[in-house]
Amino acid sequence: MQLAGLSKQKKLYLKIEYIIMTKEKVLIIGGGFAGIKAALDLSSDEHFDITLLSNKDAFNYYPTLYHVATGGSRANSYIPLRELLDGKNIRIAQGEAVSLDRKTKAISTKDGVVFNYDTLVLALGVVTNYFNIPGLKELSYGVKSIEDVERLKAHLHNQLINDHHPDLNYVVVGAGPTGIELAAALPEYLHRLMKQHSIDPVPIHIDLIEASPRLLPNLPRDSARAIQRRLRKLGVRIYCGKAVQGQTANELIVGDKPIQSHTVIWTAGTGINPFFQANQFILTPKHHVATDIYLQAEDNIFVLGDNANTPFSGMAQTALRDGAFVAENLKRRAEGKDMKSYKAVRPITIIPAGSGWAAVIYGKLRIYGRLGWALRQAADARAYSDYEPWLKAGRQWLSYYNVEDNCAVCQPKRPAPFSEPVIK
């Protein structure tokens, strides 16, 4: 760039323009654990021009969604992206990515907006898989987004308002961590709702259905047995080795047996994001995206989190670590250094099962009960601080103790946020 003979002001303008034009355009798709972490870690580096494209306007902290579904404040799991990324050198865009043009290095959204990139980071997250079981998609409830849990919570209240009694059976399908957390939290929550709705207390029937021969098939048997004992102590009925065949408006068909219920909560299945199949990415036999030692699916296209072919994909800690790993490698590459190879690290598993009790599993270490619960609370506080300053993270963590039942009956006792509609 020749600057001789130009005025100081013109030289300054040209230097600024040159810096902007030579920055590496990093397009990050996905506003979950991996995408947000990668964006934050890159945002302070002057080598990068960062755009975060998400189909949602907020970051969902998934580990506490079960808590929001059972009376917790949505603030505990919901952080608006603009609040989370305020003051960072990150451009935020909202839209659903649908197509990839590899030749022009461009992503197009469902609305027809085009985003160009030099480096593409795909942290899209998985989608719910109903395995083509009749009726499930239309009739079951979920706990995989704020919208899901608000719909479930409204249903639980409206049942008591309209029918003046709880459901015959509340059925949770899927005995992974989410299903266990929800099934364990439901009895206490439903008893509280009956009291708030002035309904005489009656026994609550919670059924936990699992197609595999035991709970938590990916975790050690001794931990699964300890959690099973805890669930039974809470009154949860467990059915393992039972496959769901279908759902109607009044019942769930499990094997050949119908279970009468208007409240079926599906936590069992996830599937690869359809973006990858639609854009001809190479998939493994287990339906993950094939990636190399740098988490690249192709040159300058990185795949992070749940869709990546890594040993512990599907866990929040893994997604967070993936985001930090790719960000570090991009910074190393921009400085002319070699990128590091990915090394999988087994995350610590902490599964709450009712208030004041959690199981901690890490290698041969086992901790159950109140200490496990305290460690889970500490882990959540630490996780919030990965995305926010400590003061904001502390407020986010403390919101766990706020109750939010946005219901016409409960509202006088427990005011809902002004912005939330009242269930009628």
Foldseek 3Di string as FASTA:
>chain_A
DDDPPHDPVVVVVVVVVVLVVQAFEEEEEADEQQRLLLQVLQQVPSNHQAEYEYQDQWYFPQVCLLLVLLFFDSLLGTGGPCRLQPPTNYHYHHFAWAEADPVQQWTAGPVGDIDHGNFYEYAHDWAFDPVPFAPCVPQAAERRDPVRSVVSLLVQLVCCVPVVDGKPEAEEEAQAQSSQQNLLSPVVSSQVSNVLSVRPDDDYEYEYEELAQFHPPVDDPVLRVVSVVLSVVSVYHYHYNWDWRHDDCFWTCIPNDTDGTSHYYYPHGIAHDVSCVSHPADADPVQAGEAFQQQASDVSYHYAAQRHPDDDGPDSVRSNVNSVQNSVQVVCVSVVHHRDGDDDDDDWDWHDRYPQWIWTDDPPDIDIGNVSVVVVLVVQLVSLVSRHPNVVSVVSSVSRPQGANQEPSCCVVRPHPPPDDHND
